[in-house]
Amino acid sequence: MADSHIYDAVVVGSGPNGLAAGIRLALEGLEVKIFEAEDTVGGGMRTRDLMQPGVIHDICSAIHPMAAASPFLSRLPLEEFGVEWITPEFPVAHPLDDEPAVIMQHDIRKTADELNGDSEMYRSILEPVVNNFSDLTNDFLGPLTIPDHPIKLARFGLQAIKSAERFQRQFQTPRAKALFAGLAAHSILPLSATSSAAIGIVLGAAGHKVGWPLPKGGSQSIADSMAAYFESLGGVIETGQKIESLKQLPPHRCCLFDLTPRQVLQIVGDEFPKYYKKRLEKFRYGQGVFKIDYILSEPVPWSDPRCNRAGTVHLGGTYEEIAESEKQMSSGKHSDKPYVLVAQQSLFDETRTPDSRHTLWAYCHVPHGSERDMTLQIENQIERFAPGFRDIVEERHTMNTAQFEEYNANYFGGDINGGSQDIWQLFTRPVHLINPYATPAEGIYICSSSTPPGGGVHGMCGYHAAMLALRKEFGRSKKRMKFGND
């Protein structure tokens, strides 16, 4: 039977942004319903036993520095609803050939000491960002607007606007250059791209400010806690309901879509004027990923044992090697020595396996829509820095770009960022620079990672879309708006 209840707002999609939007609206006392096509909420925050019962793996997001740094999520009482954060001793390890790994520690001074001749330079760049991190995240985790802290943001922007290629020239040592390359390559952009330094600076500063935590029991616990908090505010969630037409939705005053432009067009296209449809059709998606989940008989035998004290390990070697890998990916090629991101959650969270075995999460970047199996290349990179790795592999599960899209339609072509985040589409995603969450159709908003500030489990796309809807649809001024659990 169709739901005939009249809601103030409905949200389509229950990823971190859909849940954040629902929570933000419900905090104002509005009646809100979230629809999710899958049987469980979460989008990129799902955790499943992919190979054996009781051995659980994060499907997409695994390590969450931006959730801890998010001006919105960090202020929600998620711990009261089941989230238990685990912060590994080291945020990141970056192995190198024939020398100790570069370790990014929470203490910026200790990290700087790892970098030999670049100690002072590293601190001079990162310390101002770390010291002003809370103010800066309020400004840059959102649409382009008049900042609350213009001088601080301008100083950050002078470094962030640089390409990673230009940024790394400030360092003299291969160790510092390699560490930054591993951070910047999270952007899934060639390191020569303008503003590719930004994500490296932000992730580095986050590691020193809040660490790179992981949730006990898997990323699903973040989604479940957000859903439980939303429901405690009176919100309603319906799973297993794929929305393919506006006619399926119950009566409502506004609708927010935690979907990319491709899905929004399929559902709402006829409601949009031609010019807007054409702009959405021109939205550029980014490159994809190839992922492997492992069950291991024991921890990874890293050549530098300190890597087993880090939740995340960046593989790729030198700056030059990582830059070449990402250049090939952006040119539609597959690297024989790809940059590989590794997460080793079970070293810190005993709930990931029912016994003494371990899990491992690893992926590399590939061209959009790639069907290439990158297992050999990924394992060669792991074996390079952990000889004997293949001997401890009990079972593996792989996902190419098509399988990622099948898992989550938002991951079109394997793009996990909701669209390319280059300088031309960073703030104008999906269409407009001003009020990017609004559409020309009355009461319809986009709140996914295809809006600023883009991909990542931070909920800020959903938060800002909800703030705009509150102002336009319900006349709630900023002064009256609640933030988090204030």
Protein backbone atom coordinates (compact mmCIF):
# COMPACT_ATOMS: atom_id res chain seq x y z
CA MET A 1 0.00 0.00 0.00
CA ALA A 2 1.36 3.43 -0.97
CA ASP A 3 2.39 5.78 1.81
CA SER A 4 -0.15 8.64 1.74
CA HIS A 5 1.26 10.50 4.75
CA ILE A 6 2.31 14.07 3.95
CA TYR A 7 5.98 14.61 4.79
CA ASP A 8 7.83 17.87 5.08
CA ALA A 9 10.74 16.28 3.22
CA VAL A 10 11.72 13.01 1.61
CA VAL A 11 15.29 11.90 0.92
CA VAL A 12 16.19 9.39 -1.79
CA GLY A 13 19.35 7.49 -0.90
CA SER A 14 20.84 6.64 2.50
CA GLY A 15 24.55 7.16 2.04
CA PRO A 16 26.34 9.46 4.49
CA ASN A 17 24.91 12.54 2.78
CA GLY A 18 21.33 11.29 2.58
CA LEU A 19 21.41 10.36 6.25
CA ALA A 20 23.06 13.68 7.17
CA ALA A 21 20.40 15.61 5.24
CA GLY A 22 17.63 13.65 6.94
CA ILE A 23 19.13 14.24 10.37
CA ARG A 24 19.61 17.95 9.75
CA LEU A 25 16.00 18.38 8.68
CA ALA A 26 14.67 16.22 11.51
CA LEU A 27 16.61 18.31 14.02
CA GLU A 28 14.27 21.15 13.06
CA GLY A 29 11.25 19.08 14.03
CA LEU A 30 10.27 18.32 10.43
CA GLU A 31 8.67 15.06 9.34
CA VAL A 32 11.20 13.32 7.10
CA LYS A 33 11.29 9.97 5.31
CA ILE A 34 14.37 8.37 3.71
CA PHE A 35 14.08 5.83 0.88
CA GLU A 36 16.85 3.32 0.19
CA ALA A 37 16.95 0.90 -2.76
CA GLU A 38 19.04 -1.72 -0.95
CA ASP A 39 18.02 -3.80 2.06
CA THR A 40 20.35 -1.89 4.38
CA VAL A 41 21.20 1.78 4.76
CA GLY A 42 24.70 3.09 4.19
CA GLY A 43 25.66 3.56 0.55
CA GLY A 44 29.46 3.44 0.68
CA MET A 45 29.43 2.65 4.41
CA ARG A 46 28.33 -0.98 4.21
CA THR A 47 30.10 -3.94 5.80
CA ARG A 48 29.47 -7.54 4.75
CA ASP A 49 30.82 -11.07 5.09
CA LEU A 50 31.91 -11.41 1.48
CA MET A 51 33.58 -14.82 1.67
CA GLN A 52 33.04 -16.58 4.97
CA PRO A 53 30.45 -16.12 7.73
CA GLY A 54 31.75 -13.98 10.55
CA VAL A 55 34.65 -12.54 8.54
CA ILE A 56 33.53 -9.01 7.70
CA HIS A 57 34.80 -6.55 5.12
CA ASP A 58 34.11 -2.89 4.42
CA ILE A 59 32.84 -2.67 0.85
CA CYS A 60 33.97 0.88 0.13
CA SER A 61 34.84 3.36 2.88
CA ALA A 62 37.08 1.96 5.59
CA ILE A 63 39.17 4.63 7.31
CA HIS A 64 37.45 7.86 8.36
CA PRO A 65 39.57 10.92 9.06
CA MET A 66 36.96 13.22 7.49
CA ALA A 67 34.13 11.77 9.59
CA ALA A 68 36.16 12.65 12.68
CA ALA A 69 36.93 16.09 11.22
CA SER A 70 33.45 16.83 9.87
CA PRO A 71 31.89 19.95 11.42
CA PHE A 72 28.53 18.15 11.31
CA LEU A 73 29.12 14.43 11.91
CA SER A 74 31.63 15.05 14.70
CA ARG A 75 28.95 16.91 16.66
CA LEU A 76 26.27 14.24 16.38
CA PRO A 77 25.85 11.86 19.34
CA LEU A 78 26.67 8.81 17.23
CA GLU A 79 28.56 7.11 20.05
CA GLU A 80 25.27 6.96 21.96
CA PHE A 81 23.81 5.00 19.04
CA GLY A 82 26.55 2.42 18.59
CA VAL A 83 29.66 3.93 17.00
CA GLU A 84 32.91 3.06 18.74
CA TRP A 85 35.91 4.73 17.14
CA ILE A 86 39.30 3.02 17.08
CA THR A 87 42.31 5.19 16.31
CA PRO A 88 45.41 3.25 15.21
CA GLU A 89 48.72 4.33 16.68
CA PHE A 90 49.92 5.58 13.27
CA PRO A 91 47.50 7.10 10.74
CA VAL A 92 49.64 6.17 7.71
CA ALA A 93 52.71 4.16 6.79
CA HIS A 94 54.47 4.59 3.45
CA PRO A 95 56.97 1.80 2.72
CA LEU A 96 60.03 2.45 0.57
CA ASP A 97 62.54 0.10 -1.03
CA ASP A 98 65.68 -0.73 0.96
CA GLU A 99 65.03 1.76 3.76
CA PRO A 100 62.59 2.24 6.65
CA ALA A 101 59.03 3.23 5.83
CA VAL A 102 57.93 6.84 6.23
CA ILE A 103 55.52 6.95 9.16
CA MET A 104 52.94 9.69 9.57
CA GLN A 105 52.35 9.89 13.30
CA HIS A 106 49.75 11.87 15.23
CA ASP A 107 52.53 14.07 16.60
CA ILE A 108 53.59 16.41 13.81
CA ARG A 109 57.06 16.82 15.33
CA LYS A 110 57.68 13.07 15.32
CA THR A 111 56.47 12.87 11.74
CA ALA A 112 58.78 15.72 10.75
CA ASP A 113 61.67 13.83 12.33
CA GLU A 114 61.01 11.00 9.83
CA LEU A 115 61.74 13.39 6.97
CA ASN A 116 65.37 14.25 7.70
CA GLY A 117 66.21 17.48 5.87
CA ASP A 118 62.56 18.38 5.29
CA SER A 119 61.55 18.47 8.95
CA GLU A 120 61.27 22.26 9.19
CA MET A 121 59.53 22.61 5.81
CA TYR A 122 56.94 19.97 6.68
CA ARG A 123 56.12 21.67 9.95
CA SER A 124 56.01 25.14 8.42
CA ILE A 125 53.40 23.99 5.89
CA LEU A 126 51.27 21.65 8.01
CA GLU A 127 51.33 23.25 11.46
CA PRO A 128 49.24 26.32 10.48
CA VAL A 129 46.64 24.01 8.92
CA VAL A 130 46.59 21.74 11.97
CA ASN A 131 46.37 24.66 14.40
CA ASN A 132 43.45 26.21 12.48
CA PHE A 133 41.85 22.96 11.38
CA SER A 134 38.43 23.46 12.95
CA ASP A 135 38.04 26.94 11.47
CA LEU A 136 39.27 25.80 8.06
CA THR A 137 36.99 22.76 7.82
CA ASN A 138 33.97 24.97 8.45
CA ASP A 139 35.03 27.06 5.44
CA PHE A 140 36.32 24.57 2.88
CA LEU A 141 33.91 21.67 3.49
CA GLY A 142 31.10 23.36 1.61
CA PRO A 143 30.15 25.54 -1.33
CA LEU A 144 32.18 28.53 -2.45
CA THR A 145 30.91 31.41 -0.31
CA ILE A 146 32.11 34.24 1.90
CA PRO A 147 34.32 32.46 4.46
CA ASP A 148 34.07 32.95 8.20
CA HIS A 149 37.87 33.02 8.44
CA PRO A 150 39.05 34.64 5.19
CA ILE A 151 42.70 35.20 6.14
CA LYS A 152 43.21 31.65 7.39
CA LEU A 153 41.44 30.24 4.34
CA ALA A 154 43.49 32.41 1.97
CA ARG A 155 46.74 31.15 3.48
CA PHE A 156 45.53 27.57 3.13
CA GLY A 157 44.31 28.25 -0.40
CA LEU A 158 47.69 29.46 -1.60
CA GLN A 159 49.05 25.97 -0.96
CA ALA A 160 45.90 23.99 -1.75
CA ILE A 161 45.42 25.47 -5.22
CA LYS A 162 48.78 24.05 -6.30
CA SER A 163 49.19 20.81 -8.15
CA ALA A 164 50.80 18.07 -6.08
CA GLU A 165 53.65 18.21 -8.60
CA ARG A 166 54.32 21.85 -7.82
CA PHE A 167 53.69 21.43 -4.09
CA GLN A 168 56.23 18.63 -3.64
CA ARG A 169 59.02 20.81 -5.05
CA GLN A 170 59.09 22.54 -1.66
CA PHE A 171 60.60 19.35 -0.25
CA GLN A 172 64.17 18.24 -0.80
CA THR A 173 64.09 14.61 0.29
CA PRO A 174 62.51 11.62 -1.46
CA ARG A 175 60.92 10.58 1.85
CA ALA A 176 58.87 13.76 2.22
CA LYS A 177 57.94 13.76 -1.46
CA ALA A 178 56.77 10.13 -1.27
CA LEU A 179 54.68 10.70 1.87
CA PHE A 180 52.90 13.62 0.25
CA ALA A 181 52.34 11.73 -3.00
CA GLY A 182 50.53 8.99 -1.10
CA LEU A 183 48.26 11.53 0.55
CA ALA A 184 47.57 13.59 -2.57
CA ALA A 185 46.79 10.55 -4.72
CA HIS A 186 43.58 10.04 -2.72
CA SER A 187 42.19 12.72 -5.04
CA ILE A 188 42.11 10.18 -7.92
CA LEU A 189 43.58 12.90 -10.12
CA PRO A 190 46.88 13.11 -11.95
CA LEU A 191 49.33 14.78 -9.57
CA SER A 192 49.93 17.44 -12.21
CA ALA A 193 46.32 18.64 -11.89
CA THR A 194 45.63 22.05 -10.37
CA SER A 195 44.47 21.76 -6.73
CA SER A 196 45.52 18.11 -6.44
CA ALA A 197 47.62 19.22 -3.47
CA ALA A 198 44.50 20.14 -1.50
CA ILE A 199 43.40 16.65 -0.51
CA GLY A 200 46.97 15.75 0.51
CA ILE A 201 47.22 18.78 2.79
CA VAL A 202 43.79 18.16 4.32
CA LEU A 203 44.37 14.45 4.95
CA GLY A 204 47.80 15.11 6.40
CA ALA A 205 46.47 17.77 8.74
CA ALA A 206 43.55 15.54 9.73
CA GLY A 207 45.99 12.80 10.68
CA HIS A 208 47.76 15.15 13.07
CA LYS A 209 44.56 16.71 14.40
CA VAL A 210 42.07 13.83 14.75
CA GLY A 211 43.91 10.74 13.49
CA TRP A 212 42.64 8.33 10.85
CA PRO A 213 40.09 6.33 12.87
CA LEU A 214 38.06 3.27 11.93
CA PRO A 215 34.75 2.20 13.45
CA LYS A 216 34.60 -0.99 15.47
CA GLY A 217 32.62 -3.61 13.61
CA GLY A 218 32.97 -1.91 10.24
CA SER A 219 31.76 1.19 8.44
CA GLN A 220 28.20 -0.16 8.58
CA SER A 221 28.17 0.90 12.24
CA ILE A 222 28.40 4.57 11.16
CA ALA A 223 25.40 4.15 8.87
CA ASP A 224 23.43 2.22 11.47
CA SER A 225 24.11 4.79 14.19
CA MET A 226 23.12 7.67 11.90
CA ALA A 227 19.93 5.83 10.98
CA ALA A 228 19.14 5.11 14.63
CA TYR A 229 19.72 8.75 15.58
CA PHE A 230 17.54 9.90 12.68
CA GLU A 231 14.74 7.58 13.80
CA SER A 232 15.10 8.80 17.40
CA LEU A 233 14.30 12.27 16.03
CA GLY A 234 11.08 10.94 14.51
CA GLY A 235 12.45 10.16 11.06
CA VAL A 236 11.21 7.22 8.99
CA ILE A 237 13.34 4.94 6.79
CA GLU A 238 12.08 2.55 4.12
CA THR A 239 14.66 0.15 2.68
CA GLY A 240 14.28 -2.14 -0.31
CA GLN A 241 12.45 0.60 -2.21
CA LYS A 242 14.13 1.74 -5.42
CA ILE A 243 12.75 5.07 -6.55
CA GLU A 244 12.50 5.29 -10.34
CA SER A 245 9.81 7.97 -10.62
CA LEU A 246 8.60 10.94 -8.58
CA LYS A 247 5.19 9.27 -8.63
CA GLN A 248 6.48 6.63 -6.22
CA LEU A 249 7.10 9.22 -3.51
CA PRO A 250 4.49 10.11 -0.89
CA PRO A 251 3.18 13.70 -0.70
CA HIS A 252 5.95 16.08 0.40
CA ARG A 253 7.06 19.70 0.40
CA CYS A 254 10.59 19.02 -0.82
CA CYS A 255 12.77 16.15 -1.96
CA LEU A 256 16.54 15.72 -1.62
CA PHE A 257 18.41 13.24 -3.81
CA ASP A 258 21.53 11.51 -2.50
CA LEU A 259 22.17 10.40 -6.08
CA THR A 260 24.52 11.48 -8.87
CA PRO A 261 23.23 13.50 -11.86
CA ARG A 262 22.81 10.35 -13.94
CA GLN A 263 20.25 8.88 -11.52
CA VAL A 264 18.57 12.22 -10.82
CA LEU A 265 17.97 12.71 -14.55
CA GLN A 266 16.38 9.28 -14.82
CA ILE A 267 13.92 10.11 -12.03
CA VAL A 268 13.31 13.85 -12.41
CA GLY A 269 14.40 14.63 -15.98
CA ASP A 270 10.99 15.69 -17.30
CA GLU A 271 10.67 18.25 -14.50
CA PHE A 272 13.86 20.07 -15.48
CA PRO A 273 14.14 22.72 -18.22
CA LYS A 274 16.26 21.73 -21.23
CA TYR A 275 19.22 23.91 -20.30
CA TYR A 276 19.53 22.28 -16.88
CA LYS A 277 19.15 18.78 -18.29
CA LYS A 278 21.96 19.48 -20.74
CA ARG A 279 24.19 20.77 -17.96
CA LEU A 280 23.57 17.64 -15.90
CA GLU A 281 24.20 15.45 -18.93
CA LYS A 282 27.62 17.10 -19.30
CA PHE A 283 28.59 16.31 -15.70
CA ARG A 284 31.96 14.57 -15.78
CA TYR A 285 32.50 11.39 -13.82
CA GLY A 286 35.94 10.47 -12.54
CA GLN A 287 38.18 7.44 -12.80
CA GLY A 288 37.37 4.11 -11.18
CA VAL A 289 38.82 1.63 -8.72
CA PHE A 290 39.64 -2.07 -8.61
CA LYS A 291 39.40 -3.57 -5.15
CA ILE A 292 40.47 -6.76 -3.40
CA ASP A 293 39.34 -7.99 0.01
CA TYR A 294 41.44 -10.68 1.64
CA ILE A 295 41.25 -13.25 4.37
CA LEU A 296 44.78 -13.78 5.70
CA SER A 297 46.15 -16.47 7.96
CA GLU A 298 48.24 -13.87 9.81
CA PRO A 299 49.16 -10.17 9.65
CA VAL A 300 50.91 -8.82 6.56
CA PRO A 301 54.69 -9.49 6.87
CA TRP A 302 55.81 -5.94 6.10
CA SER A 303 59.56 -5.48 5.69
CA ASP A 304 59.30 -2.60 8.15
CA PRO A 305 57.29 -4.01 11.11
CA ARG A 306 56.16 -0.50 12.07
CA CYS A 307 53.69 -0.71 9.18
CA ASN A 308 51.65 -3.11 11.34
CA ARG A 309 51.01 -0.22 13.72
CA ALA A 310 49.30 1.85 10.99
CA GLY A 311 45.65 1.53 9.99
CA THR A 312 46.43 2.66 6.44
CA VAL A 313 49.41 1.83 4.23
CA HIS A 314 50.16 3.65 0.96
CA LEU A 315 52.00 1.55 -1.60
CA GLY A 316 53.69 2.92 -4.67
CA GLY A 317 57.22 3.81 -3.70
CA THR A 318 58.62 7.18 -4.68
CA TYR A 319 56.82 10.35 -5.67
CA GLU A 320 57.83 9.77 -9.29
CA GLU A 321 56.39 6.25 -9.33
CA ILE A 322 53.07 7.32 -7.84
CA ALA A 323 52.82 10.30 -10.16
CA GLU A 324 53.43 8.06 -13.17
CA SER A 325 50.81 5.57 -11.97
CA GLU A 326 48.15 8.26 -11.61
CA LYS A 327 49.15 9.84 -14.93
CA GLN A 328 48.61 6.54 -16.72
CA MET A 329 45.25 6.02 -15.00
CA SER A 330 44.02 9.47 -16.05
CA SER A 331 45.14 8.76 -19.62
CA GLY A 332 43.02 5.61 -19.84
CA LYS A 333 45.91 3.21 -19.21
CA HIS A 334 46.60 0.62 -16.51
CA SER A 335 49.80 0.90 -14.52
CA ASP A 336 51.96 -2.17 -13.97
CA LYS A 337 53.00 -0.57 -10.67
CA PRO A 338 49.79 1.07 -9.42
CA TYR A 339 49.40 3.26 -6.39
CA VAL A 340 47.64 0.98 -3.89
CA LEU A 341 45.72 1.97 -0.78
CA VAL A 342 45.69 -0.66 1.95
CA ALA A 343 43.62 -0.76 5.14
CA GLN A 344 44.33 -3.35 7.83
CA GLN A 345 41.40 -2.94 10.19
CA SER A 346 41.62 -6.35 11.88
CA LEU A 347 44.94 -5.43 13.48
CA PHE A 348 43.01 -2.99 15.66
CA ASP A 349 39.48 -4.42 15.67
CA GLU A 350 39.10 -8.02 16.81
CA THR A 351 35.45 -8.12 15.64
CA ARG A 352 36.48 -8.35 11.97
CA THR A 353 37.19 -12.11 12.21
CA PRO A 354 35.90 -14.80 14.60
CA ASP A 355 39.42 -16.17 15.22
CA SER A 356 43.09 -15.23 14.95
CA ARG A 357 43.01 -14.65 11.19
CA HIS A 358 43.00 -11.21 9.59
CA THR A 359 41.33 -9.24 6.83
CA LEU A 360 42.92 -6.84 4.39
CA TRP A 361 41.32 -4.15 2.19
CA ALA A 362 43.16 -2.90 -0.88
CA TYR A 363 42.39 -1.01 -4.07
CA CYS A 364 44.07 0.81 -6.91
CA HIS A 365 42.86 3.46 -9.34
CA VAL A 366 41.89 2.43 -12.88
CA PRO A 367 40.35 4.20 -15.89
CA HIS A 368 36.61 4.91 -15.80
CA GLY A 369 34.67 1.76 -16.70
CA SER A 370 37.76 -0.47 -16.71
CA GLU A 371 37.17 -4.22 -16.87
CA ARG A 372 40.82 -5.12 -16.25
CA ASP A 373 41.61 -7.52 -13.40
CA MET A 374 44.36 -5.80 -11.40
CA THR A 375 44.92 -8.59 -8.87
CA LEU A 376 48.42 -9.40 -10.11
CA GLN A 377 49.53 -5.77 -10.12
CA ILE A 378 48.12 -5.05 -6.65
CA GLU A 379 49.67 -8.18 -5.15
CA ASN A 380 53.01 -7.45 -6.77
CA GLN A 381 53.02 -4.09 -4.99
CA ILE A 382 52.10 -5.65 -1.64
CA GLU A 383 54.69 -8.41 -2.08
CA ARG A 384 57.28 -5.76 -2.98
CA PHE A 385 57.07 -4.29 0.50
CA ALA A 386 55.93 -7.46 2.32
CA PRO A 387 57.80 -10.49 0.96
CA GLY A 388 55.85 -13.67 1.61
CA PHE A 389 52.46 -11.96 1.46
CA ARG A 390 51.00 -14.41 -1.06
CA ASP A 391 51.83 -17.30 1.28
CA ILE A 392 49.38 -16.04 3.91
CA VAL A 393 46.42 -15.39 1.54
CA GLU A 394 43.59 -17.82 2.32
CA GLU A 395 40.90 -16.27 0.14
CA ARG A 396 40.30 -13.14 -1.93
CA HIS A 397 37.27 -11.31 -3.33
CA THR A 398 37.63 -8.81 -6.18
CA MET A 399 35.45 -5.99 -7.52
CA ASN A 400 35.98 -4.21 -10.81
CA THR A 401 34.31 -0.96 -11.85
CA ALA A 402 31.20 -2.67 -13.21
CA GLN A 403 30.74 -4.61 -9.97
CA PHE A 404 31.12 -1.41 -7.97
CA GLU A 405 28.40 0.21 -10.06
CA GLU A 406 26.19 -2.86 -9.63
CA TYR A 407 26.72 -2.61 -5.86
CA ASN A 408 25.90 1.11 -5.84
CA ALA A 409 24.47 2.91 -8.89
CA ASN A 410 26.11 6.13 -7.66
CA TYR A 411 29.49 4.54 -8.47
CA PHE A 412 29.04 5.05 -12.20
CA GLY A 413 32.00 3.54 -14.06
CA GLY A 414 33.61 2.72 -10.71
CA ASP A 415 33.79 6.40 -9.69
CA ILE A 416 33.53 6.41 -5.89
CA ASN A 417 33.77 10.22 -5.62
CA GLY A 418 30.47 11.14 -7.24
CA GLY A 419 32.22 12.85 -10.16
CA SER A 420 35.64 14.19 -11.03
CA GLN A 421 36.94 16.60 -8.39
CA ASP A 422 39.27 18.59 -10.59
CA ILE A 423 39.42 22.39 -10.30
CA TRP A 424 36.80 22.83 -13.07
CA GLN A 425 34.21 20.80 -11.20
CA LEU A 426 35.23 21.17 -7.57
CA PHE A 427 32.82 23.97 -6.63
CA THR A 428 30.53 23.96 -9.68
CA ARG A 429 29.35 20.40 -9.11
CA PRO A 430 26.94 19.42 -10.46
CA VAL A 431 26.03 22.65 -12.33
CA HIS A 432 26.00 25.93 -10.40
CA LEU A 433 28.61 27.82 -8.41
CA ILE A 434 25.92 29.56 -6.35
CA ASN A 435 23.48 27.30 -4.46
CA PRO A 436 24.79 24.12 -6.17
CA TYR A 437 22.31 21.96 -4.24
CA ALA A 438 19.23 23.62 -5.74
CA THR A 439 17.61 22.70 -9.05
CA PRO A 440 15.14 24.63 -11.25
CA ALA A 441 12.40 22.15 -10.31
CA GLU A 442 10.36 23.37 -7.37
CA GLY A 443 11.27 21.69 -4.10
CA ILE A 444 13.93 19.40 -5.60
CA TYR A 445 17.54 19.38 -4.32
CA ILE A 446 20.67 17.31 -4.87
CA CYS A 447 22.57 16.38 -1.70
CA SER A 448 25.02 13.72 -2.90
CA SER A 449 28.80 13.80 -3.27
CA SER A 450 28.14 15.26 -6.73
CA THR A 451 27.76 18.57 -4.85
CA PRO A 452 30.41 20.44 -2.80
CA PRO A 453 32.58 19.46 -1.03
CA GLY A 454 32.52 16.14 -2.92
CA GLY A 455 33.35 12.58 -1.95
CA GLY A 456 34.14 11.28 1.51
CA VAL A 457 32.26 10.22 4.63
CA HIS A 458 31.73 13.65 6.13
CA GLY A 459 28.02 14.27 5.47
CA MET A 460 28.65 17.90 4.54
CA CYS A 461 26.99 17.70 1.11
CA GLY A 462 23.80 16.52 2.79
CA TYR A 463 24.14 19.07 5.56
CA HIS A 464 24.50 22.05 3.20
CA ALA A 465 21.67 20.85 0.95
CA ALA A 466 19.42 20.52 3.98
CA MET A 467 20.39 24.00 5.17
CA LEU A 468 19.39 25.45 1.80
CA ALA A 469 16.10 23.57 1.80
CA LEU A 470 15.36 24.79 5.31
CA ARG A 471 15.87 28.35 4.20
CA LYS A 472 14.03 28.20 0.87
CA GLU A 473 11.19 25.82 1.69
CA PHE A 474 10.58 26.43 5.37
CA GLY A 475 11.83 29.97 5.97
CA ARG A 476 14.26 28.93 8.68
CA SER A 477 16.96 31.60 9.05
CA LYS A 478 20.51 30.65 9.90
CA LYS A 479 20.10 32.14 13.36
CA ARG A 480 17.34 29.65 14.11
CA MET A 481 19.07 26.64 12.66
CA LYS A 482 20.41 24.03 15.01
CA PHE A 483 23.77 22.42 14.39
CA GLY A 484 24.42 18.87 15.51
CA ASN A 485 23.25 18.22 19.04
CA ASP A 486 23.32 21.89 20.14
